PDB file of N, CA and C in Angstrom:
ATOM      1  N   UNK A   1       4.494  -5.921  -8.872  1.00  0.00           N
ATOM      2  CA  UNK A   1       5.348  -6.830  -9.750  1.00  0.00           C
ATOM      3  C   UNK A   1       7.010  -7.430  -9.239  1.00  0.00           C
ATOM      4  N   UNK A   2       7.757  -6.153  -8.702  1.00  0.00           N
ATOM      5  CA  UNK A   2       9.022  -6.499  -7.827  1.00  0.00           C
ATOM      6  C   UNK A   2       8.742  -7.283  -6.250  1.00  0.00           C
ATOM      7  N   UNK A   3       7.950  -7.404  -6.231  1.00  0.00           N
ATOM      8  CA  UNK A   3       7.921  -7.720  -5.116  1.00  0.00           C
ATOM      9  C   UNK A   3       7.941  -9.287  -4.675  1.00  0.00           C
ATOM     10  N   UNK A   4       7.863 -10.301  -5.800  1.00  0.00           N
ATOM     11  CA  UNK A   4       8.246 -11.405  -6.126  1.00  0.00           C
ATOM     12  C   UNK A   4       9.658 -11.771  -7.481  1.00  0.00           C
ATOM     13  N   UNK A   5       9.641 -12.548  -7.277  1.00  0.00           N
ATOM     14  CA  UNK A   5      10.972 -13.169  -8.462  1.00  0.00           C
ATOM     15  C   UNK A   5      10.242 -13.255  -9.777  1.00  0.00           C
ATOM     16  N   UNK A   6      10.876 -13.157 -10.238  1.00  0.00           N
ATOM     17  CA  UNK A   6       9.594 -13.228 -11.653  1.00  0.00           C
ATOM     18  C   UNK A   6       9.354 -14.350 -12.325  1.00  0.00           C
ATOM     19  N   UNK A   7       9.801 -15.342 -12.051  1.00  0.00           N
ATOM     20  CA  UNK A   7       9.714 -16.785 -13.048  1.00  0.00           C
ATOM     21  C   UNK A   7       8.667 -17.025 -11.368  1.00  0.00           C
ATOM     22  N   UNK A   8       8.420 -16.659 -10.436  1.00  0.00           N
ATOM     23  CA  UNK A   8       7.760 -17.318  -9.370  1.00  0.00           C
ATOM     24  C   UNK A   8       5.775 -16.673  -9.703  1.00  0.00           C
ATOM     25  N   UNK A   9       5.722 -15.486 -11.023  1.00  0.00           N
ATOM     26  CA  UNK A   9       4.433 -15.113 -11.141  1.00  0.00           C
ATOM     27  C   UNK A   9       3.675 -16.122 -12.333  1.00  0.00           C
ATOM     28  N   UNK A  10       2.740 -16.660 -11.708  1.00  0.00           N
ATOM     29  CA  UNK A  10       1.909 -17.531 -12.656  1.00  0.00           C
ATOM     30  C   UNK A  10       1.043 -16.609 -13.891  1.00  0.00           C
ATOM     31  N   UNK A  11       0.185 -17.507 -14.947  1.00  0.00           N
ATOM     32  CA  UNK A  11      -0.319 -16.866 -15.341  1.00  0.00           C
ATOM     33  C   UNK A  11      -1.752 -16.565 -14.836  1.00  0.00           C
ATOM     34  N   UNK A  12      -2.361 -16.877 -14.080  1.00  0.00           N
ATOM     35  CA  UNK A  12      -3.159 -16.369 -13.440  1.00  0.00           C
ATOM     36  C   UNK A  12      -2.593 -15.437 -12.009  1.00  0.00           C
ATOM     37  N   UNK A  13      -1.703 -15.631 -11.524  1.00  0.00           N
ATOM     38  CA  UNK A  13      -1.482 -14.280 -10.781  1.00  0.00           C
ATOM     39  C   UNK A  13      -0.976 -13.250 -11.623  1.00  0.00           C
ATOM     40  N   UNK A  14      -0.596 -13.310 -13.001  1.00  0.00           N
ATOM     41  CA  UNK A  14      -0.740 -11.934 -13.192  1.00  0.00           C
ATOM     42  C   UNK A  14      -1.981 -11.268 -13.718  1.00  0.00           C
ATOM     43  N   UNK A  15      -3.217 -11.926 -14.058  1.00  0.00           N
ATOM     44  CA  UNK A  15      -4.204 -11.553 -14.094  1.00  0.00           C
ATOM     45  C   UNK A  15      -5.126 -10.805 -13.087  1.00  0.00           C
ATOM     46  N   UNK A  16      -4.861 -11.829 -11.657  1.00  0.00           N
ATOM     47  CA  UNK A  16      -5.019 -10.726 -10.184  1.00  0.00           C
ATOM     48  C   UNK A  16      -3.686  -9.679 -10.815  1.00  0.00           C
ATOM     49  N   UNK A  17      -3.345  -9.560 -10.733  1.00  0.00           N
ATOM     50  CA  UNK A  17      -1.936  -8.759 -11.071  1.00  0.00           C
ATOM     51  C   UNK A  17      -2.786  -7.413 -11.579  1.00  0.00           C
ATOM     52  N   UNK A  18      -3.310  -7.907 -12.751  1.00  0.00           N
ATOM     53  CA  UNK A  18      -4.287  -6.953 -13.469  1.00  0.00           C
ATOM     54  C   UNK A  18      -4.905  -6.356 -12.993  1.00  0.00           C
ATOM     55  N   UNK A  19      -6.005  -7.374 -12.362  1.00  0.00           N
ATOM     56  CA  UNK A  19      -7.036  -6.629 -11.774  1.00  0.00           C
ATOM     57  C   UNK A  19      -6.639  -6.008 -10.129  1.00  0.00           C
ATOM     58  N   UNK A  20      -5.480  -6.097  -9.630  1.00  0.00           N
ATOM     59  CA  UNK A  20      -4.957  -4.990  -8.622  1.00  0.00           C
ATOM     60  C   UNK A  20      -4.774  -3.871  -8.837  1.00  0.00           C
ATOM     61  N   UNK A  21      -3.918  -3.633  -9.929  1.00  0.00           N
ATOM     62  CA  UNK A  21      -3.306  -1.977 -10.540  1.00  0.00           C
ATOM     63  C   UNK A  21      -4.993  -1.624 -11.139  1.00  0.00           C
ATOM     64  N   UNK A  22      -5.785  -2.469 -11.824  1.00  0.00           N
ATOM     65  CA  UNK A  22      -6.674  -1.942 -12.339  1.00  0.00           C
ATOM     66  C   UNK A  22      -7.815  -1.142 -10.838  1.00  0.00           C
ATOM     67  N   UNK A  23      -7.768  -1.594  -9.937  1.00  0.00           N
ATOM     68  CA  UNK A  23      -8.408  -1.438  -8.137  1.00  0.00           C
ATOM     69  C   UNK A  23      -7.540  -0.139  -7.572  1.00  0.00           C
ATOM     70  N   UNK A  24      -5.999  -0.501  -8.029  1.00  0.00           N
ATOM     71  CA  UNK A  24      -5.577   0.854  -7.669  1.00  0.00           C
ATOM     72  C   UNK A  24      -5.636   2.036  -8.233  1.00  0.00           C
ATOM     73  N   UNK A  25      -5.712   1.630  -9.198  1.00  0.00           N
ATOM     74  CA  UNK A  25      -6.367   3.152 -10.348  1.00  0.00           C
ATOM     75  C   UNK A  25      -8.097   3.788 -10.235  1.00  0.00           C
ATOM     76  N   UNK A  26      -8.664   2.820  -9.643  1.00  0.00           N
ATOM     77  CA  UNK A  26      -9.978   3.037  -8.892  1.00  0.00           C
ATOM     78  C   UNK A  26      -9.396   3.911  -8.122  1.00  0.00           C
ATOM     79  N   UNK A  27      -8.937   3.716  -7.128  1.00  0.00           N
ATOM     80  CA  UNK A  27      -8.974   3.927  -6.016  1.00  0.00           C
ATOM     81  C   UNK A  27      -8.148   5.435  -5.753  1.00  0.00           C
ATOM     82  N   UNK A  28      -7.374   5.434  -6.813  1.00  0.00           N
ATOM     83  CA  UNK A  28      -6.533   6.911  -7.026  1.00  0.00           C
ATOM     84  C   UNK A  28      -7.642   8.088  -7.771  1.00  0.00           C
ATOM     85  N   UNK A  29      -8.357   7.263  -8.747  1.00  0.00           N
ATOM     86  CA  UNK A  29      -9.369   8.238  -9.348  1.00  0.00           C
ATOM     87  C   UNK A  29     -10.450   8.686  -7.913  1.00  0.00           C
ATOM     88  N   UNK A  30     -10.828   7.817  -7.593  1.00  0.00           N
ATOM     89  CA  UNK A  30     -12.634   8.003  -6.336  1.00  0.00           C
ATOM     90  C   UNK A  30     -11.524   8.811  -5.353  1.00  0.00           C
ATOM     91  N   UNK A  31     -10.562   8.843  -4.762  1.00  0.00           N
ATOM     92  CA  UNK A  31      -9.908   9.124  -4.242  1.00  0.00           C
ATOM     93  C   UNK A  31      -9.676  11.188  -4.453  1.00  0.00           C
ATOM     94  N   UNK A  32      -9.634  10.790  -5.688  1.00  0.00           N
ATOM     95  CA  UNK A  32      -9.547  12.518  -6.155  1.00  0.00           C
ATOM     96  C   UNK A  32     -10.998  13.563  -6.210  1.00  0.00           C
ATOM     97  N   UNK A  33     -11.820  12.145  -7.098  1.00  0.00           N
ATOM     98  CA  UNK A  33     -13.381  12.831  -6.214  1.00  0.00           C
ATOM     99  C   UNK A  33     -13.310  12.939  -4.555  1.00  0.00           C
ATOM    100  N   UNK A  34     -13.705  12.093  -3.770  1.00  0.00           N
ATOM    101  CA  UNK A  34     -13.520  12.385  -2.436  1.00  0.00           C
ATOM    102  C   UNK A  34     -12.845  13.505  -1.817  1.00  0.00           C
ATOM    103  N   UNK A  35     -12.236  13.777  -1.813  1.00  0.00           N
ATOM    104  CA  UNK A  35     -11.640  15.150  -1.940  1.00  0.00           C
ATOM    105  C   UNK A  35     -12.438  16.696  -2.272  1.00  0.00           C
ATOM    106  N   UNK A  36     -12.781  15.845  -3.147  1.00  0.00           N
ATOM    107  CA  UNK A  36     -13.874  17.788  -3.076  1.00  0.00           C
ATOM    108  C   UNK A  36     -15.212  17.236  -2.336  1.00  0.00           C
ATOM    109  N   UNK A  37     -15.814  16.230  -1.795  1.00  0.00           N
ATOM    110  CA  UNK A  37     -16.978  15.959  -1.048  1.00  0.00           C
ATOM    111  C   UNK A  37     -16.408  15.659   0.364  1.00  0.00           C
ATOM    112  N   UNK A  38     -17.810  15.817   1.491  1.00  0.00           N
ATOM    113  CA  UNK A  38     -17.181  15.730   3.061  1.00  0.00           C
ATOM    114  C   UNK A  38     -17.947  14.241   2.927  1.00  0.00           C
ATOM    115  N   UNK A  39     -17.490  13.638   3.915  1.00  0.00           N
ATOM    116  CA  UNK A  39     -17.418  12.020   4.516  1.00  0.00           C
ATOM    117  C   UNK A  39     -19.111  11.939   5.014  1.00  0.00           C
ATOM    118  N   UNK A  40     -19.814  12.968   5.038  1.00  0.00           N
ATOM    119  CA  UNK A  40     -21.090  12.216   5.913  1.00  0.00           C
ATOM    120  C   UNK A  40     -22.177  13.885   4.394  1.00  0.00           C
ATOM    121  N   UNK A  41     -23.347  13.207   4.384  1.00  0.00           N
ATOM    122  CA  UNK A  41     -23.635  13.854   3.531  1.00  0.00           C
ATOM    123  C   UNK A  41     -25.749  13.846   4.235  1.00  0.00           C
ATOM    124  N   UNK A  42     -26.086  14.968   3.897  1.00  0.00           N
ATOM    125  CA  UNK A  42     -27.467  14.964   4.186  1.00  0.00           C
ATOM    126  C   UNK A  42     -28.291  14.090   2.861  1.00  0.00           C
ATOM    127  N   UNK A  43     -29.663  13.009   3.459  1.00  0.00           N
ATOM    128  CA  UNK A  43     -30.349  12.420   2.349  1.00  0.00           C
ATOM    129  C   UNK A  43     -31.728  13.493   2.340  1.00  0.00           C
ATOM    130  N   UNK A  44     -32.212  13.203   1.303  1.00  0.00           N
ATOM    131  CA  UNK A  44     -33.074  14.081   1.391  1.00  0.00           C
ATOM    132  C   UNK A  44     -34.406  14.099   2.224  1.00  0.00           C
ATOM    133  N   UNK A  45     -34.287  13.133   3.365  1.00  0.00           N
ATOM    134  CA  UNK A  45     -34.981  13.793   4.465  1.00  0.00           C
ATOM    135  C   UNK A  45     -34.433  14.246   6.042  1.00  0.00           C
ATOM    136  N   UNK A  46     -33.407  14.397   5.189  1.00  0.00           N
ATOM    137  CA  UNK A  46     -32.242  15.228   6.538  1.00  0.00           C
ATOM    138  C   UNK A  46     -31.538  14.198   7.333  1.00  0.00           C
ATOM    139  N   UNK A  47     -31.261  13.230   6.749  1.00  0.00           N
ATOM    140  CA  UNK A  47     -30.809  12.474   7.463  1.00  0.00           C
ATOM    141  C   UNK A  47     -29.069  12.326   6.893  1.00  0.00           C
ATOM    142  N   UNK A  48     -28.291  11.811   7.789  1.00  0.00           N
ATOM    143  CA  UNK A  48     -26.643  12.153   7.887  1.00  0.00           C
ATOM    144  C   UNK A  48     -26.631  10.570   6.850  1.00  0.00           C
ATOM    145  N   UNK A  49     -26.008  10.715   6.082  1.00  0.00           N
ATOM    146  CA  UNK A  49     -25.456   9.371   6.005  1.00  0.00           C
ATOM    147  C   UNK A  49     -23.902   9.484   5.192  1.00  0.00           C
ATOM    148  N   UNK A  50     -23.306   8.304   4.949  1.00  0.00           N
ATOM    149  CA  UNK A  50     -21.655   8.500   4.436  1.00  0.00           C
ATOM    150  C   UNK A  50     -22.043   8.613   2.740  1.00  0.00           C
ATOM    151  N   UNK A  51     -21.428   9.489   2.045  1.00  0.00           N
ATOM    152  CA  UNK A  51     -21.410   9.733   1.108  1.00  0.00           C
ATOM    153  C   UNK A  51     -20.818   8.468   0.230  1.00  0.00           C
ATOM    154  N   UNK A  52     -21.495   8.360  -0.667  1.00  0.00           N
ATOM    155  CA  UNK A  52     -21.199   6.987  -1.757  1.00  0.00           C
ATOM    156  C   UNK A  52     -20.176   6.774  -2.366  1.00  0.00           C
ATOM    157  N   UNK A  53     -19.238   7.798  -2.756  1.00  0.00           N
ATOM    158  CA  UNK A  53     -17.512   7.574  -2.992  1.00  0.00           C
ATOM    159  C   UNK A  53     -17.343   7.618  -1.992  1.00  0.00           C
ATOM    160  N   UNK A  54     -17.655   7.350  -0.308  1.00  0.00           N
ATOM    161  CA  UNK A  54     -16.926   7.076   0.508  1.00  0.00           C
ATOM    162  C   UNK A  54     -16.911   5.497   0.647  1.00  0.00           C
ATOM    163  N   UNK A  55     -18.267   4.889   0.649  1.00  0.00           N
ATOM    164  CA  UNK A  55     -18.664   3.685   0.741  1.00  0.00           C
ATOM    165  C   UNK A  55     -18.143   2.934  -0.439  1.00  0.00           C
ATOM    166  N   UNK A  56     -17.628   3.200  -1.747  1.00  0.00           N
ATOM    167  CA  UNK A  56     -17.400   2.426  -3.181  1.00  0.00           C
ATOM    168  C   UNK A  56     -15.153   3.046  -2.835  1.00  0.00           C
ATOM    169  N   UNK A  57     -14.805   3.433  -2.079  1.00  0.00           N
ATOM    170  CA  UNK A  57     -13.355   3.391  -1.694  1.00  0.00           C
ATOM    171  C   UNK A  57     -13.005   2.881  -0.799  1.00  0.00           C
ATOM    172  N   UNK A  58     -14.080   1.938   0.386  1.00  0.00           N
ATOM    173  CA  UNK A  58     -14.044   1.438   1.448  1.00  0.00           C
ATOM    174  C   UNK A  58     -14.382  -0.068   0.551  1.00  0.00           C
ATOM    175  N   UNK A  59     -14.632  -0.442  -0.477  1.00  0.00           N
ATOM    176  CA  UNK A  59     -15.567  -1.418  -1.279  1.00  0.00           C
ATOM    177  C   UNK A  59     -13.781  -1.419  -1.594  1.00  0.00           C
ATOM    178  N   UNK A  60     -13.515  -0.966  -2.693  1.00  0.00           N
ATOM    179  CA  UNK A  60     -12.017  -0.936  -3.549  1.00  0.00           C
ATOM    180  C   UNK A  60     -11.176  -1.283  -2.351  1.00  0.00           C
ATOM    181  N   UNK A  61     -10.756  -0.337  -1.629  1.00  0.00           N
ATOM    182  CA  UNK A  61      -9.664  -1.164  -0.537  1.00  0.00           C
ATOM    183  C   UNK A  61      -9.652  -2.247  -0.340  1.00  0.00           C
ATOM    184  N   UNK A  62     -10.814  -3.097   0.446  1.00  0.00           N
ATOM    185  CA  UNK A  62     -11.415  -4.067   0.762  1.00  0.00           C
ATOM    186  C   UNK A  62     -10.456  -4.631  -0.519  1.00  0.00           C
ATOM    187  N   UNK A  63     -11.144  -4.860  -1.699  1.00  0.00           N
ATOM    188  CA  UNK A  63     -10.662  -5.614  -2.629  1.00  0.00           C
ATOM    189  C   UNK A  63      -9.177  -5.669  -2.932  1.00  0.00           C
ATOM    190  N   UNK A  64      -8.417  -4.436  -2.962  1.00  0.00           N
ATOM    191  CA  UNK A  64      -6.988  -4.496  -3.066  1.00  0.00           C
ATOM    192  C   UNK A  64      -6.290  -4.968  -2.150  1.00  0.00           C
ATOM    193  N   UNK A  65      -6.566  -5.778  -0.554  1.00  0.00           N
ATOM    194  CA  UNK A  65      -6.543  -5.969   0.510  1.00  0.00           C
ATOM    195  C   UNK A  65      -7.000  -7.786   0.224  1.00  0.00           C
ATOM    196  N   UNK A  66      -7.823  -7.920  -0.440  1.00  0.00           N
ATOM    197  CA  UNK A  66      -7.987  -9.135  -0.784  1.00  0.00           C
ATOM    198  C   UNK A  66      -6.728  -9.803  -1.991  1.00  0.00           C
ATOM    199  N   UNK A  67      -6.754  -9.277  -2.884  1.00  0.00           N
ATOM    200  CA  UNK A  67      -6.081  -9.544  -3.827  1.00  0.00           C
ATOM    201  C   UNK A  67      -4.572  -9.418  -3.500  1.00  0.00           C
ATOM    202  N   UNK A  68      -3.767  -8.234  -2.623  1.00  0.00           N
ATOM    203  CA  UNK A  68      -2.572  -8.363  -2.493  1.00  0.00           C
ATOM    204  C   UNK A  68      -2.720  -9.849  -1.588  1.00  0.00           C
ATOM    205  N   UNK A  69      -3.320 -10.613  -0.729  1.00  0.00           N
ATOM    206  CA  UNK A  69      -3.545 -11.508  -0.034  1.00  0.00           C
ATOM    207  C   UNK A  69      -3.752 -12.759  -1.263  1.00  0.00           C
ATOM    208  N   UNK A  70      -4.134 -13.158  -2.042  1.00  0.00           N
ATOM    209  CA  UNK A  70      -4.147 -13.964  -2.837  1.00  0.00           C
ATOM    210  C   UNK A  70      -2.740 -14.017  -3.432  1.00  0.00           C
ATOM    211  N   UNK A  71      -2.425 -12.912  -3.983  1.00  0.00           N
ATOM    212  CA  UNK A  71      -0.932 -12.619  -4.218  1.00  0.00           C
ATOM    213  C   UNK A  71       0.414 -12.564  -3.773  1.00  0.00           C
ATOM    214  N   UNK A  72      -0.125 -12.484  -2.282  1.00  0.00           N
ATOM    215  CA  UNK A  72       0.960 -13.175  -1.192  1.00  0.00           C
ATOM    216  C   UNK A  72       1.979 -12.093  -1.314  1.00  0.00           C
ATOM    217  N   UNK A  73       1.514 -11.054  -1.938  1.00  0.00           N
ATOM    218  CA  UNK A  73       2.486  -9.569  -1.948  1.00  0.00           C
ATOM    219  C   UNK A  73       2.147  -8.351  -0.658  1.00  0.00           C
ATOM    220  N   UNK A  74       1.063  -8.899   0.065  1.00  0.00           N
ATOM    221  CA  UNK A  74       1.239  -8.095   1.429  1.00  0.00           C
ATOM    222  C   UNK A  74       2.223  -7.429   1.836  1.00  0.00           C
ATOM    223  N   UNK A  75       1.954  -7.043   3.372  1.00  0.00           N
ATOM    224  CA  UNK A  75       3.122  -6.759   3.972  1.00  0.00           C
ATOM    225  C   UNK A  75       4.190  -7.644   4.779  1.00  0.00           C
ATOM    226  N   UNK A  76       2.790  -8.457   5.535  1.00  0.00           N
ATOM    227  CA  UNK A  76       3.663  -9.478   6.230  1.00  0.00           C
ATOM    228  C   UNK A  76       4.131 -10.785   5.172  1.00  0.00           C
ATOM    229  N   UNK A  77       3.623 -11.246   4.097  1.00  0.00           N
ATOM    230  CA  UNK A  77       3.893 -11.878   3.056  1.00  0.00           C
ATOM    231  C   UNK A  77       5.667 -11.377   2.399  1.00  0.00           C
ATOM    232  N   UNK A  78       5.554  -9.790   2.191  1.00  0.00           N
ATOM    233  CA  UNK A  78       7.082  -9.659   1.896  1.00  0.00           C
ATOM    234  C   UNK A  78       8.013  -8.832   2.807  1.00  0.00           C
ATOM    235  N   UNK A  79       7.853  -8.646   3.686  1.00  0.00           N
ATOM    236  CA  UNK A  79       8.095  -7.937   5.086  1.00  0.00           C
ATOM    237  C   UNK A  79       8.816  -8.907   6.132  1.00  0.00           C
ATOM    238  N   UNK A  80       7.709  -9.785   6.600  1.00  0.00           N
ATOM    239  CA  UNK A  80       7.513 -11.083   7.571  1.00  0.00           C
ATOM    240  C   UNK A  80       6.966 -10.056   8.763  1.00  0.00           C
ATOM    241  N   UNK A  81       6.777 -10.802   9.527  1.00  0.00           N
ATOM    242  CA  UNK A  81       6.454 -10.685  11.293  1.00  0.00           C
ATOM    243  C   UNK A  81       6.744  -9.165  11.052  1.00  0.00           C
ATOM    244  N   UNK A  82       5.707  -8.309  11.725  1.00  0.00           N
ATOM    245  CA  UNK A  82       6.416  -7.423  12.176  1.00  0.00           C
ATOM    246  C   UNK A  82       7.766  -6.977  13.707  1.00  0.00           C
ATOM    247  N   UNK A  83       7.275  -8.080  14.348  1.00  0.00           N
ATOM    248  CA  UNK A  83       8.282  -7.995  15.305  1.00  0.00           C
ATOM    249  C   UNK A  83       9.901  -7.879  14.352  1.00  0.00           C
ATOM    250  N   UNK A  84       9.939  -8.676  13.521  1.00  0.00           N
ATOM    251  CA  UNK A  84      11.164  -9.187  12.549  1.00  0.00           C
ATOM    252  C   UNK A  84      11.762  -7.736  11.827  1.00  0.00           C
ATOM    253  N   UNK A  85      10.958  -6.695  11.561  1.00  0.00           N
ATOM    254  CA  UNK A  85      11.080  -5.747  10.899  1.00  0.00           C
ATOM    255  C   UNK A  85      11.297  -4.724  11.842  1.00  0.00           C
ATOM    256  N   UNK A  86      10.197  -4.578  13.475  1.00  0.00           N
ATOM    257  CA  UNK A  86      11.087  -4.163  13.444  1.00  0.00           C
ATOM    258  C   UNK A  86      12.995  -3.799  14.001  1.00  0.00           C
ATOM    259  N   UNK A  87      13.118  -4.935  14.473  1.00  0.00           N
ATOM    260  CA  UNK A  87      14.310  -5.171  14.488  1.00  0.00           C
ATOM    261  C   UNK A  87      15.441  -4.866  13.237  1.00  0.00           C
ATOM    262  N   UNK A  88      14.992  -4.787  12.041  1.00  0.00           N
ATOM    263  CA  UNK A  88      15.344  -4.478  10.667  1.00  0.00           C
ATOM    264  C   UNK A  88      15.074  -2.727  11.187  1.00  0.00           C
ATOM    265  N   UNK A  89      14.214  -2.283  10.860  1.00  0.00           N
ATOM    266  CA  UNK A  89      14.548  -0.697  11.192  1.00  0.00           C
ATOM    267  C   UNK A  89      15.449  -0.369  12.196  1.00  0.00           C
ATOM    268  N   UNK A  90      15.549  -1.099  13.484  1.00  0.00           N
ATOM    269  CA  UNK A  90      16.578  -0.481  13.938  1.00  0.00           C
ATOM    270  C   UNK A  90      17.992  -0.929  13.802  1.00  0.00           C
ATOM    271  N   UNK A  91      18.480  -1.259  13.238  1.00  0.00           N
ATOM    272  CA  UNK A  91      19.478  -2.053  12.508  1.00  0.00           C
ATOM    273  C   UNK A  91      19.852  -1.019  11.367  1.00  0.00           C
ATOM    274  N   UNK A  92      18.758  -0.576  10.333  1.00  0.00           N
ATOM    275  CA  UNK A  92      19.455   0.834   9.622  1.00  0.00           C
ATOM    276  C   UNK A  92      19.312   1.875  10.474  1.00  0.00           C
ATOM    277  N   UNK A  93      18.107   2.022  11.522  1.00  0.00           N
ATOM    278  CA  UNK A  93      18.707   2.965  12.222  1.00  0.00           C
ATOM    279  C   UNK A  93      19.622   3.517  12.205  1.00  0.00           C
ATOM    280  N   UNK A  94      20.189   2.427  13.098  1.00  0.00           N
ATOM    281  CA  UNK A  94      21.700   2.235  13.688  1.00  0.00           C
ATOM    282  C   UNK A  94      22.637   3.018  12.491  1.00  0.00           C
ATOM    283  N   UNK A  95      22.780   1.964  11.216  1.00  0.00           N
ATOM    284  CA  UNK A  95      23.652   2.451  10.462  1.00  0.00           C
ATOM    285  C   UNK A  95      23.353   3.855   9.734  1.00  0.00           C
ATOM    286  N   UNK A  96      22.336   4.229   9.886  1.00  0.00           N
ATOM    287  CA  UNK A  96      22.451   5.588   9.251  1.00  0.00           C
ATOM    288  C   UNK A  96      22.952   6.629  10.563  1.00  0.00           C
ATOM    289  N   UNK A  97      22.800   6.379  11.235  1.00  0.00           N
ATOM    290  CA  UNK A  97      23.233   7.204  12.821  1.00  0.00           C
ATOM    291  C   UNK A  97      25.402   7.375  12.719  1.00  0.00           C
ATOM    292  N   UNK A  98      25.291   6.228  12.025  1.00  0.00           N
ATOM    293  CA  UNK A  98      27.001   5.333  12.198  1.00  0.00           C
ATOM    294  C   UNK A  98      27.648   6.825  10.905  1.00  0.00           C
ATOM    295  N   UNK A  99      26.819   6.715  10.277  1.00  0.00           N
ATOM    296  CA  UNK A  99      27.123   6.405   8.709  1.00  0.00           C
ATOM    297  C   UNK A  99      27.138   8.367   8.685  1.00  0.00           C
ATOM    298  N   UNK A 100      25.913   9.220   9.251  1.00  0.00           N
ATOM    299  CA  UNK A 100      26.272  10.930   9.493  1.00  0.00           C
ATOM    300  C   UNK A 100      27.056  10.829  10.204  1.00  0.00           C
ATOM    301  N   UNK A 101      27.409   9.987  11.088  1.00  0.00           N
ATOM    302  CA  UNK A 101      29.171  10.696  11.822  1.00  0.00           C
ATOM    303  C   UNK A 101      30.347  10.378  11.210  1.00  0.00           C
ATOM    304  N   UNK A 102      30.320   9.777  10.129  1.00  0.00           N
ATOM    305  CA  UNK A 102      31.278   9.569   9.248  1.00  0.00           C
ATOM    306  C   UNK A 102      31.825  10.971   8.960  1.00  0.00           C
ATOM    307  N   UNK A 103      33.373  10.619   8.472  1.00  0.00           N
ATOM    308  CA  UNK A 103      33.588  11.597   7.775  1.00  0.00           C
ATOM    309  C   UNK A 103      33.025  11.840   5.864  1.00  0.00           C
ATOM    310  N   UNK A 104      32.597  12.639   5.615  1.00  0.00           N
ATOM    311  CA  UNK A 104      32.257  13.278   4.606  1.00  0.00           C
ATOM    312  C   UNK A 104      32.839  12.978   3.315  1.00  0.00           C
ATOM    313  N   UNK A 105      34.782  12.004   3.263  1.00  0.00           N
ATOM    314  CA  UNK A 105      35.128  11.575   2.228  1.00  0.00           C
ATOM    315  C   UNK A 105      34.569  10.311   2.177  1.00  0.00           C
ATOM    316  N   UNK A 106      33.745   9.398   2.793  1.00  0.00           N
ATOM    317  CA  UNK A 106      33.808   8.005   2.968  1.00  0.00           C
ATOM    318  C   UNK A 106      32.280   8.112   2.006  1.00  0.00           C
ATOM    319  N   UNK A 107      32.382   7.313   1.270  1.00  0.00           N
ATOM    320  CA  UNK A 107      31.545   7.091   0.112  1.00  0.00           C
ATOM    321  C   UNK A 107      30.109   6.177   0.625  1.00  0.00           C
ATOM    322  N   UNK A 108      29.165   6.571   0.554  1.00  0.00           N
ATOM    323  CA  UNK A 108      27.928   5.821   1.101  1.00  0.00           C
ATOM    324  C   UNK A 108      26.977   5.301  -0.034  1.00  0.00           C
ATOM    325  N   UNK A 109      25.993   4.424   0.113  1.00  0.00           N
ATOM    326  CA  UNK A 109      25.674   4.019  -0.200  1.00  0.00           C
ATOM    327  C   UNK A 109      24.473   4.390  -1.338  1.00  0.00           C
ATOM    328  N   UNK A 110      23.704   4.795  -2.562  1.00  0.00           N
ATOM    329  CA  UNK A 110      23.217   5.894  -3.026  1.00  0.00           C
ATOM    330  C   UNK A 110      21.697   5.055  -3.382  1.00  0.00           C
ATOM    331  N   UNK A 111      20.656   4.746  -2.185  1.00  0.00           N
ATOM    332  CA  UNK A 111      19.539   4.049  -2.717  1.00  0.00           C
ATOM    333  C   UNK A 111      18.636   4.239  -2.110  1.00  0.00           C
TER     334      UNK A 111
END
């Protein structure tokens, strides 16, 4: 919800955001289930196949990505092109190096 200005959320967007929240909750649930299962399992004939919980996770992940795109809250929409993000990351790293070399009595941002 914090990726967009509060007044830019339409009623339809809020419905999609609620669906996305539910999908994310389901992903968390099935991820815990998948931790106890191997990715491959043998069927009754002994043939290896993907465990159903992993198929569910793949489907849920696709739903989450689709909803994020519909809401325009995916990384590209919120952070811009990757080349621009790379520049910002470099500037941030340089600022951190400068601040770590500075005197301990200088106030630092807290975030």
